[in-house]
Amino acid sequence: MFWTPELAQTLEEAPWPATKDELFDYANRVGCPQQVLDNILSIEDSEELVEGIEDLWPEYEDIINEEYFYNDNEEELYD
């Protein structure tokens, strides 16, 4: 599975918890990118409930943390 913040963000409104089939159906209906659909299809256990995007990509919480992204505007504030 390959995730980026942008890809993961497309599933933020998904009906969590959900099975693989439910996630695929949701992602297909809302027009998620093909990479998201491929990632969902690569989930091994189709009956296991996925509680959230963190189950698919454990680093997601770290990625959405404000400190993760470098902001040029913040640097200007301290000059």
PDB file of N, CA and C in Angstrom:
ATOM      1  N   MET A   1       0.835  -1.183   0.000  1.00  0.00           N
ATOM      2  CA  MET A   1       0.000   0.000   0.000  1.00  0.00           C
ATOM      3  C   MET A   1       0.876   1.241   0.000  1.00  0.00           C
ATOM      4  N   PHE A   2       0.486   2.204  -0.785  1.00  0.00           N
ATOM      5  CA  PHE A   2       1.175   3.478  -0.847  1.00  0.00           C
ATOM      6  C   PHE A   2       0.176   4.565  -0.473  1.00  0.00           C
ATOM      7  N   TRP A   3       0.486   5.328   0.572  1.00  0.00           N
ATOM      8  CA  TRP A   3      -0.404   6.394   1.022  1.00  0.00           C
ATOM      9  C   TRP A   3       0.324   7.726   1.018  1.00  0.00           C
ATOM     10  N   THR A   4      -0.408   8.770   0.739  1.00  0.00           N
ATOM     11  CA  THR A   4       0.057  10.141   0.923  1.00  0.00           C
ATOM     12  C   THR A   4      -1.021  10.835   1.747  1.00  0.00           C
ATOM     13  N   PRO A   5      -0.703  11.979   2.339  1.00  0.00           N
ATOM     14  CA  PRO A   5      -1.752  12.693   3.085  1.00  0.00           C
ATOM     15  C   PRO A   5      -2.976  13.000   2.222  1.00  0.00           C
ATOM     16  N   GLU A   6      -2.743  13.336   0.963  1.00  0.00           N
ATOM     17  CA  GLU A   6      -3.856  13.664   0.070  1.00  0.00           C
ATOM     18  C   GLU A   6      -4.737  12.448  -0.198  1.00  0.00           C
ATOM     19  N   LEU A   7      -4.108  11.291  -0.394  1.00  0.00           N
ATOM     20  CA  LEU A   7      -4.889  10.071  -0.627  1.00  0.00           C
ATOM     21  C   LEU A   7      -5.672   9.687   0.621  1.00  0.00           C
ATOM     22  N   ALA A   8      -5.017   9.732   1.763  1.00  0.00           N
ATOM     23  CA  ALA A   8      -5.679   9.360   3.013  1.00  0.00           C
ATOM     24  C   ALA A   8      -6.836  10.304   3.327  1.00  0.00           C
ATOM     25  N   GLN A   9      -6.666  11.560   2.990  1.00  0.00           N
ATOM     26  CA  GLN A   9      -7.698  12.553   3.284  1.00  0.00           C
ATOM     27  C   GLN A   9      -9.002  12.252   2.546  1.00  0.00           C
ATOM     28  N   THR A  10      -8.922  11.564   1.421  1.00  0.00           N
ATOM     29  CA  THR A  10     -10.142  11.240   0.676  1.00  0.00           C
ATOM     30  C   THR A  10     -11.027  10.260   1.431  1.00  0.00           C
ATOM     31  N   LEU A  11     -10.467   9.589   2.441  1.00  0.00           N
ATOM     32  CA  LEU A  11     -11.251   8.623   3.223  1.00  0.00           C
ATOM     33  C   LEU A  11     -11.651   9.150   4.598  1.00  0.00           C
ATOM     34  N   GLU A  12     -11.373  10.407   4.895  1.00  0.00           N
ATOM     35  CA  GLU A  12     -11.692  10.933   6.225  1.00  0.00           C
ATOM     36  C   GLU A  12     -13.178  10.866   6.543  1.00  0.00           C
ATOM     37  N   GLU A  13     -14.027  11.018   5.558  1.00  0.00           N
ATOM     38  CA  GLU A  13     -15.474  11.007   5.776  1.00  0.00           C
ATOM     39  C   GLU A  13     -16.087   9.621   5.572  1.00  0.00           C
ATOM     40  N   ALA A  14     -15.249   8.619   5.412  1.00  0.00           N
ATOM     41  CA  ALA A  14     -15.749   7.251   5.199  1.00  0.00           C
ATOM     42  C   ALA A  14     -16.548   6.779   6.413  1.00  0.00           C
ATOM     43  N   PRO A  15     -17.451   5.838   6.205  1.00  0.00           N
ATOM     44  CA  PRO A  15     -18.292   5.343   7.310  1.00  0.00           C
ATOM     45  C   PRO A  15     -17.527   4.368   8.210  1.00  0.00           C
ATOM     46  N   TRP A  16     -16.672   4.904   9.056  1.00  0.00           N
ATOM     47  CA  TRP A  16     -15.870   4.067   9.967  1.00  0.00           C
ATOM     48  C   TRP A  16     -16.716   3.575  11.115  1.00  0.00           C
ATOM     49  N   PRO A  17     -16.496   2.404  11.648  1.00  0.00           N
ATOM     50  CA  PRO A  17     -15.690   1.312  11.105  1.00  0.00           C
ATOM     51  C   PRO A  17     -16.367   0.705   9.884  1.00  0.00           C
ATOM     52  N   ALA A  18     -15.533   0.105   9.045  1.00  0.00           N
ATOM     53  CA  ALA A  18     -16.055  -0.452   7.797  1.00  0.00           C
ATOM     54  C   ALA A  18     -15.230  -1.661   7.377  1.00  0.00           C
ATOM     55  N   THR A  19     -15.858  -2.530   6.615  1.00  0.00           N
ATOM     56  CA  THR A  19     -15.136  -3.667   6.043  1.00  0.00           C
ATOM     57  C   THR A  19     -14.452  -3.210   4.757  1.00  0.00           C
ATOM     58  N   LYS A  20     -13.640  -4.074   4.216  1.00  0.00           N
ATOM     59  CA  LYS A  20     -12.960  -3.796   2.951  1.00  0.00           C
ATOM     60  C   LYS A  20     -13.977  -3.469   1.856  1.00  0.00           C
ATOM     61  N   ASP A  21     -15.033  -4.266   1.766  1.00  0.00           N
ATOM     62  CA  ASP A  21     -16.048  -4.045   0.732  1.00  0.00           C
ATOM     63  C   ASP A  21     -16.776  -2.727   0.919  1.00  0.00           C
ATOM     64  N   GLU A  22     -17.095  -2.387   2.162  1.00  0.00           N
ATOM     65  CA  GLU A  22     -17.774  -1.114   2.437  1.00  0.00           C
ATOM     66  C   GLU A  22     -16.878   0.071   2.086  1.00  0.00           C
ATOM     67  N   LEU A  23     -15.595  -0.033   2.432  1.00  0.00           N
ATOM     68  CA  LEU A  23     -14.657   1.042   2.094  1.00  0.00           C
ATOM     69  C   LEU A  23     -14.515   1.196   0.586  1.00  0.00           C
ATOM     70  N   PHE A  24     -14.405   0.071  -0.112  1.00  0.00           N
ATOM     71  CA  PHE A  24     -14.274   0.128  -1.566  1.00  0.00           C
ATOM     72  C   PHE A  24     -15.511   0.766  -2.188  1.00  0.00           C
ATOM     73  N   ASP A  25     -16.687   0.370  -1.721  1.00  0.00           N
ATOM     74  CA  ASP A  25     -17.934   0.939  -2.229  1.00  0.00           C
ATOM     75  C   ASP A  25     -17.974   2.446  -1.992  1.00  0.00           C
ATOM     76  N   TYR A  26     -17.623   2.871  -0.781  1.00  0.00           N
ATOM     77  CA  TYR A  26     -17.615   4.300  -0.463  1.00  0.00           C
ATOM     78  C   TYR A  26     -16.623   5.047  -1.364  1.00  0.00           C
ATOM     79  N   ALA A  27     -15.399   4.538  -1.442  1.00  0.00           N
ATOM     80  CA  ALA A  27     -14.359   5.207  -2.226  1.00  0.00           C
ATOM     81  C   ALA A  27     -14.748   5.299  -3.699  1.00  0.00           C
ATOM     82  N   ASN A  28     -15.369   4.279  -4.203  1.00  0.00           N
ATOM     83  CA  ASN A  28     -15.819   4.267  -5.593  1.00  0.00           C
ATOM     84  C   ASN A  28     -16.936   5.288  -5.811  1.00  0.00           C
ATOM     85  N   ARG A  29     -17.884   5.362  -4.883  1.00  0.00           N
ATOM     86  CA  ARG A  29     -19.017   6.288  -5.011  1.00  0.00           C
ATOM     87  C   ARG A  29     -18.592   7.746  -4.964  1.00  0.00           C
ATOM     88  N   VAL A  30     -17.612   8.070  -4.110  1.00  0.00           N
ATOM     89  CA  VAL A  30     -17.221   9.478  -3.967  1.00  0.00           C
ATOM     90  C   VAL A  30     -16.119   9.882  -4.942  1.00  0.00           C
ATOM     91  N   GLY A  31     -15.653   8.942  -5.752  1.00  0.00           N
ATOM     92  CA  GLY A  31     -14.672   9.277  -6.779  1.00  0.00           C
ATOM     93  C   GLY A  31     -13.244   9.394  -6.284  1.00  0.00           C
ATOM     94  N   CYS A  32     -12.869   8.550  -5.344  1.00  0.00           N
ATOM     95  CA  CYS A  32     -11.487   8.553  -4.856  1.00  0.00           C
ATOM     96  C   CYS A  32     -10.537   8.164  -5.989  1.00  0.00           C
ATOM     97  N   PRO A  33      -9.294   8.629  -5.923  1.00  0.00           N
ATOM     98  CA  PRO A  33      -8.305   8.261  -6.946  1.00  0.00           C
ATOM     99  C   PRO A  33      -8.088   6.748  -7.020  1.00  0.00           C
ATOM    100  N   GLN A  34      -7.641   6.285  -8.162  1.00  0.00           N
ATOM    101  CA  GLN A  34      -7.415   4.854  -8.380  1.00  0.00           C
ATOM    102  C   GLN A  34      -6.454   4.269  -7.353  1.00  0.00           C
ATOM    103  N   GLN A  35      -5.450   5.034  -6.922  1.00  0.00           N
ATOM    104  CA  GLN A  35      -4.490   4.527  -5.932  1.00  0.00           C
ATOM    105  C   GLN A  35      -5.189   4.178  -4.622  1.00  0.00           C
ATOM    106  N   VAL A  36      -6.199   4.956  -4.228  1.00  0.00           N
ATOM    107  CA  VAL A  36      -6.959   4.655  -3.011  1.00  0.00           C
ATOM    108  C   VAL A  36      -7.723   3.348  -3.197  1.00  0.00           C
ATOM    109  N   LEU A  37      -8.359   3.182  -4.349  1.00  0.00           N
ATOM    110  CA  LEU A  37      -9.084   1.939  -4.629  1.00  0.00           C
ATOM    111  C   LEU A  37      -8.134   0.744  -4.612  1.00  0.00           C
ATOM    112  N   ASP A  38      -6.957   0.911  -5.206  1.00  0.00           N
ATOM    113  CA  ASP A  38      -5.963  -0.172  -5.203  1.00  0.00           C
ATOM    114  C   ASP A  38      -5.509  -0.495  -3.784  1.00  0.00           C
ATOM    115  N   ASN A  39      -5.313   0.537  -2.963  1.00  0.00           N
ATOM    116  CA  ASN A  39      -4.909   0.322  -1.572  1.00  0.00           C
ATOM    117  C   ASN A  39      -5.970  -0.464  -0.811  1.00  0.00           C
ATOM    118  N   ILE A  40      -7.223  -0.117  -1.025  1.00  0.00           N
ATOM    119  CA  ILE A  40      -8.308  -0.824  -0.343  1.00  0.00           C
ATOM    120  C   ILE A  40      -8.365  -2.278  -0.807  1.00  0.00           C
ATOM    121  N   LEU A  41      -8.191  -2.502  -2.097  1.00  0.00           N
ATOM    122  CA  LEU A  41      -8.215  -3.875  -2.619  1.00  0.00           C
ATOM    123  C   LEU A  41      -7.077  -4.726  -2.061  1.00  0.00           C
ATOM    124  N   SER A  42      -6.001  -4.089  -1.626  1.00  0.00           N
ATOM    125  CA  SER A  42      -4.865  -4.852  -1.097  1.00  0.00           C
ATOM    126  C   SER A  42      -5.035  -5.229   0.373  1.00  0.00           C
ATOM    127  N   ILE A  43      -6.136  -4.809   1.003  1.00  0.00           N
ATOM    128  CA  ILE A  43      -6.423  -5.234   2.376  1.00  0.00           C
ATOM    129  C   ILE A  43      -6.678  -6.736   2.344  1.00  0.00           C
ATOM    130  N   GLU A  44      -5.992  -7.473   3.211  1.00  0.00           N
ATOM    131  CA  GLU A  44      -6.047  -8.939   3.141  1.00  0.00           C
ATOM    132  C   GLU A  44      -7.359  -9.530   3.644  1.00  0.00           C
ATOM    133  N   ASP A  45      -7.803  -9.151   4.819  1.00  0.00           N
ATOM    134  CA  ASP A  45      -9.000  -9.754   5.412  1.00  0.00           C
ATOM    135  C   ASP A  45     -10.221  -8.906   5.073  1.00  0.00           C
ATOM    136  N   SER A  46     -11.058  -9.409   4.186  1.00  0.00           N
ATOM    137  CA  SER A  46     -12.194  -8.615   3.715  1.00  0.00           C
ATOM    138  C   SER A  46     -13.322  -8.493   4.735  1.00  0.00           C
ATOM    139  N   GLU A  47     -13.350  -9.339   5.760  1.00  0.00           N
ATOM    140  CA  GLU A  47     -14.426  -9.288   6.756  1.00  0.00           C
ATOM    141  C   GLU A  47     -14.034  -8.521   8.019  1.00  0.00           C
ATOM    142  N   GLU A  48     -12.751  -8.253   8.200  1.00  0.00           N
ATOM    143  CA  GLU A  48     -12.291  -7.544   9.394  1.00  0.00           C
ATOM    144  C   GLU A  48     -12.684  -6.072   9.314  1.00  0.00           C
ATOM    145  N   LEU A  49     -13.182  -5.536  10.434  1.00  0.00           N
ATOM    146  CA  LEU A  49     -13.548  -4.124  10.465  1.00  0.00           C
ATOM    147  C   LEU A  49     -12.300  -3.256  10.570  1.00  0.00           C
ATOM    148  N   VAL A  50     -12.256  -2.239   9.733  1.00  0.00           N
ATOM    149  CA  VAL A  50     -11.196  -1.239   9.781  1.00  0.00           C
ATOM    150  C   VAL A  50     -11.774  -0.068  10.562  1.00  0.00           C
ATOM    151  N   GLU A  51     -11.127   0.304  11.663  1.00  0.00           N
ATOM    152  CA  GLU A  51     -11.664   1.340  12.553  1.00  0.00           C
ATOM    153  C   GLU A  51     -11.445   2.753  12.034  1.00  0.00           C
ATOM    154  N   GLY A  52     -10.397   2.954  11.243  1.00  0.00           N
ATOM    155  CA  GLY A  52     -10.099   4.283  10.725  1.00  0.00           C
ATOM    156  C   GLY A  52      -8.896   4.228   9.805  1.00  0.00           C
ATOM    157  N   ILE A  53      -8.569   5.366   9.216  1.00  0.00           N
ATOM    158  CA  ILE A  53      -7.432   5.421   8.297  1.00  0.00           C
ATOM    159  C   ILE A  53      -6.142   5.023   9.004  1.00  0.00           C
ATOM    160  N   GLU A  54      -6.081   5.232  10.328  1.00  0.00           N
ATOM    161  CA  GLU A  54      -4.887   4.872  11.091  1.00  0.00           C
ATOM    162  C   GLU A  54      -4.630   3.364  11.059  1.00  0.00           C
ATOM    163  N   ASP A  55      -5.683   2.558  10.900  1.00  0.00           N
ATOM    164  CA  ASP A  55      -5.508   1.107  10.776  1.00  0.00           C
ATOM    165  C   ASP A  55      -4.834   0.743   9.451  1.00  0.00           C
ATOM    166  N   LEU A  56      -5.086   1.540   8.429  1.00  0.00           N
ATOM    167  CA  LEU A  56      -4.493   1.285   7.118  1.00  0.00           C
ATOM    168  C   LEU A  56      -3.107   1.905   6.994  1.00  0.00           C
ATOM    169  N   TRP A  57      -2.940   3.070   7.618  1.00  0.00           N
ATOM    170  CA  TRP A  57      -1.673   3.810   7.539  1.00  0.00           C
ATOM    171  C   TRP A  57      -1.376   4.364   8.924  1.00  0.00           C
ATOM    172  N   PRO A  58      -0.680   3.597   9.768  1.00  0.00           N
ATOM    173  CA  PRO A  58      -0.459   3.985  11.172  1.00  0.00           C
ATOM    174  C   PRO A  58       0.215   5.344  11.353  1.00  0.00           C
ATOM    175  N   GLU A  59       0.999   5.790  10.398  1.00  0.00           N
ATOM    176  CA  GLU A  59       1.690   7.071  10.518  1.00  0.00           C
ATOM    177  C   GLU A  59       0.783   8.268  10.241  1.00  0.00           C
ATOM    178  N   TYR A  60      -0.463   8.035   9.875  1.00  0.00           N
ATOM    179  CA  TYR A  60      -1.350   9.129   9.475  1.00  0.00           C
ATOM    180  C   TYR A  60      -1.496  10.186  10.559  1.00  0.00           C
ATOM    181  N   GLU A  61      -1.623   9.780  11.811  1.00  0.00           N
ATOM    182  CA  GLU A  61      -1.767  10.762  12.888  1.00  0.00           C
ATOM    183  C   GLU A  61      -0.555  11.670  12.963  1.00  0.00           C
ATOM    184  N   ASP A  62       0.639  11.128  12.755  1.00  0.00           N
ATOM    185  CA  ASP A  62       1.847  11.945  12.766  1.00  0.00           C
ATOM    186  C   ASP A  62       1.873  12.896  11.580  1.00  0.00           C
ATOM    187  N   ILE A  63       1.383  12.440  10.456  1.00  0.00           N
ATOM    188  CA  ILE A  63       1.409  13.235   9.232  1.00  0.00           C
ATOM    189  C   ILE A  63       0.491  14.448   9.344  1.00  0.00           C
ATOM    190  N   ILE A  64      -0.678  14.287   9.949  1.00  0.00           N
ATOM    191  CA  ILE A  64      -1.618  15.404  10.018  1.00  0.00           C
ATOM    192  C   ILE A  64      -1.277  16.382  11.131  1.00  0.00           C
ATOM    193  N   ASN A  65      -0.304  16.037  11.966  1.00  0.00           N
ATOM    194  CA  ASN A  65       0.149  16.928  13.025  1.00  0.00           C
ATOM    195  C   ASN A  65       0.760  18.173  12.386  1.00  0.00           C
ATOM    196  N   GLU A  66       0.444  19.345  12.906  1.00  0.00           N
ATOM    197  CA  GLU A  66       0.923  20.603  12.340  1.00  0.00           C
ATOM    198  C   GLU A  66       2.438  20.666  12.246  1.00  0.00           C
ATOM    199  N   GLU A  67       3.134  20.061  13.179  1.00  0.00           N
ATOM    200  CA  GLU A  67       4.586  20.153  13.212  1.00  0.00           C
ATOM    201  C   GLU A  67       5.244  19.368  12.088  1.00  0.00           C
ATOM    202  N   TYR A  68       4.520  18.500  11.433  1.00  0.00           N
ATOM    203  CA  TYR A  68       5.098  17.667  10.383  1.00  0.00           C
ATOM    204  C   TYR A  68       5.443  18.482   9.143  1.00  0.00           C
ATOM    205  N   PHE A  69       4.594  19.436   8.809  1.00  0.00           N
ATOM    206  CA  PHE A  69       4.781  20.209   7.595  1.00  0.00           C
ATOM    207  C   PHE A  69       5.588  21.467   7.873  1.00  0.00           C
ATOM    208  N   TYR A  70       6.517  21.758   6.998  1.00  0.00           N
ATOM    209  CA  TYR A  70       7.309  22.975   7.087  1.00  0.00           C
ATOM    210  C   TYR A  70       6.515  24.090   6.443  1.00  0.00           C
ATOM    211  N   ASN A  71       6.413  25.204   7.130  1.00  0.00           N
ATOM    212  CA  ASN A  71       5.613  26.314   6.640  1.00  0.00           C
ATOM    213  C   ASN A  71       6.517  27.526   6.455  1.00  0.00           C
ATOM    214  N   ASP A  72       6.710  27.961   5.220  1.00  0.00           N
ATOM    215  CA  ASP A  72       7.546  29.128   4.941  1.00  0.00           C
ATOM    216  C   ASP A  72       7.006  30.380   5.617  1.00  0.00           C
ATOM    217  N   ASN A  73       5.692  30.490   5.740  1.00  0.00           N
ATOM    218  CA  ASN A  73       5.094  31.673   6.352  1.00  0.00           C
ATOM    219  C   ASN A  73       5.473  31.798   7.817  1.00  0.00           C
ATOM    220  N   GLU A  74       5.614  30.685   8.515  1.00  0.00           N
ATOM    221  CA  GLU A  74       6.006  30.738   9.918  1.00  0.00           C
ATOM    222  C   GLU A  74       7.406  31.303  10.067  1.00  0.00           C
ATOM    223  N   GLU A  75       8.297  30.952   9.140  1.00  0.00           N
ATOM    224  CA  GLU A  75       9.662  31.452   9.207  1.00  0.00           C
ATOM    225  C   GLU A  75       9.675  32.969   9.092  1.00  0.00           C
ATOM    226  N   GLU A  76       8.814  33.519   8.228  1.00  0.00           N
ATOM    227  CA  GLU A  76       8.739  34.961   8.056  1.00  0.00           C
ATOM    228  C   GLU A  76       8.280  35.653   9.330  1.00  0.00           C
ATOM    229  N   LEU A  77       7.482  34.995  10.144  1.00  0.00           N
ATOM    230  CA  LEU A  77       7.001  35.590  11.384  1.00  0.00           C
ATOM    231  C   LEU A  77       8.124  35.844  12.372  1.00  0.00           C
ATOM    232  N   TYR A  78       9.186  35.061  12.291  1.00  0.00           N
ATOM    233  CA  TYR A  78      10.262  35.170  13.263  1.00  0.00           C
ATOM    234  C   TYR A  78      11.438  36.000  12.768  1.00  0.00           C
ATOM    235  N   ASP A  79      11.376  36.526  11.571  1.00  0.00           N
ATOM    236  CA  ASP A  79      12.471  37.358  11.040  1.00  0.00           C
ATOM    237  C   ASP A  79      12.413  38.763  11.578  1.00  0.00           C
TER     238      ASP A  79
END
